[in-house]
């Protein structure tokens, strides 16, 4: 994979992992944010750890990826 492809996969995964955070904030903010900052902060922290872990793992895993047999390295 090219470095651009690896970055694209990392960016998409980073964005997808933030969907639960957006949902949590939306549900808790419906009636105001009084008292809801602790669950929002906890969800944000978990999302941040997950996103950073995914970026690091995918960067490492995809950099080691080899082209499938019969495919040239220049294809896609």
Protein backbone atom coordinates (compact mmCIF):
# COMPACT_ATOMS: atom_id res chain seq x y z
CA UNK A 1 0.00 0.00 0.00
CA UNK A 2 1.13 3.51 -0.63
CA UNK A 3 1.56 5.91 2.25
CA UNK A 4 -1.43 7.88 0.94
CA UNK A 5 -3.63 4.77 1.13
CA UNK A 6 -2.44 4.01 4.65
CA UNK A 7 -3.19 7.58 5.76
CA UNK A 8 -6.63 7.42 4.15
CA UNK A 9 -7.49 4.22 6.05
CA UNK A 10 -6.19 5.73 9.28
CA UNK A 11 -8.23 8.91 8.78
CA UNK A 12 -11.45 7.00 8.06
CA UNK A 13 -10.98 4.82 11.14
CA UNK A 14 -10.20 7.90 13.24
CA UNK A 15 -13.45 9.50 12.07
CA UNK A 16 -15.53 6.36 12.59
CA UNK A 17 -14.34 5.85 16.14
CA UNK A 18 -15.74 9.28 17.06
CA UNK A 19 -19.35 8.35 16.21
CA UNK A 20 -20.11 7.04 19.75
CA UNK A 21 -18.73 10.27 21.22
CA UNK A 22 -21.00 12.36 19.00
CA UNK A 23 -23.99 10.17 19.90
CA UNK A 24 -23.26 10.39 23.63
CA UNK A 25 -22.91 14.16 23.56
CA UNK A 26 -26.09 14.52 21.48
CA UNK A 27 -28.18 12.38 23.83
CA UNK A 28 -26.84 14.00 27.01
CA UNK A 29 -27.09 17.54 25.63
CA UNK A 30 -30.80 17.26 24.80
CA UNK A 31 -31.79 18.50 28.26
CA UNK A 32 -28.70 20.61 28.87
CA UNK A 33 -25.22 19.75 30.00
CA UNK A 34 -25.68 20.20 33.76
CA UNK A 35 -24.04 17.21 35.45
CA UNK A 36 -23.31 15.48 32.15
CA UNK A 37 -19.70 16.58 31.75
CA UNK A 38 -18.26 13.54 33.57
CA UNK A 39 -19.76 10.94 31.18
CA UNK A 40 -18.86 13.15 28.21
CA UNK A 41 -15.26 13.47 29.42
CA UNK A 42 -15.03 9.72 30.03
CA UNK A 43 -16.40 8.98 26.57
CA UNK A 44 -13.98 11.49 25.05
CA UNK A 45 -11.02 9.92 26.84
CA UNK A 46 -12.01 6.42 25.72
CA UNK A 47 -12.51 7.67 22.16
CA UNK A 48 -9.14 9.39 22.14
CA UNK A 49 -7.31 6.29 23.39
CA UNK A 50 -9.10 4.11 20.85
CA UNK A 51 -8.43 6.50 17.97
CA UNK A 52 -4.72 6.84 18.78
CA UNK A 53 -4.38 3.08 19.21
CA UNK A 54 -6.03 2.49 15.85
CA UNK A 55 -3.79 4.99 14.10
CA UNK A 56 -0.65 3.44 15.55
CA UNK A 57 -1.77 -0.15 14.94
CA UNK A 58 -2.99 0.46 11.39
CA UNK A 59 0.14 2.38 10.50
CA UNK A 60 2.28 -0.52 11.66
CA UNK A 61 0.09 -3.30 10.23
CA UNK A 62 -0.42 -1.68 6.85
CA UNK A 63 3.24 -0.75 6.45
CA UNK A 64 4.05 -4.46 6.72
CA UNK A 65 1.40 -5.43 4.17
CA UNK A 66 2.71 -7.24 1.11
CA UNK A 67 0.98 -7.23 -2.29
CA UNK A 68 -1.08 -10.35 -3.00
CA UNK A 69 0.67 -12.99 -5.12
CA UNK A 70 0.28 -12.23 -8.80
CA UNK A 71 -0.17 -8.51 -8.26
CA UNK A 72 2.49 -6.01 -9.01
CA UNK A 73 3.49 -3.57 -6.30
CA UNK A 74 2.55 -0.63 -8.53
CA UNK A 75 -1.12 -1.70 -8.83
CA UNK A 76 -3.32 0.64 -6.75
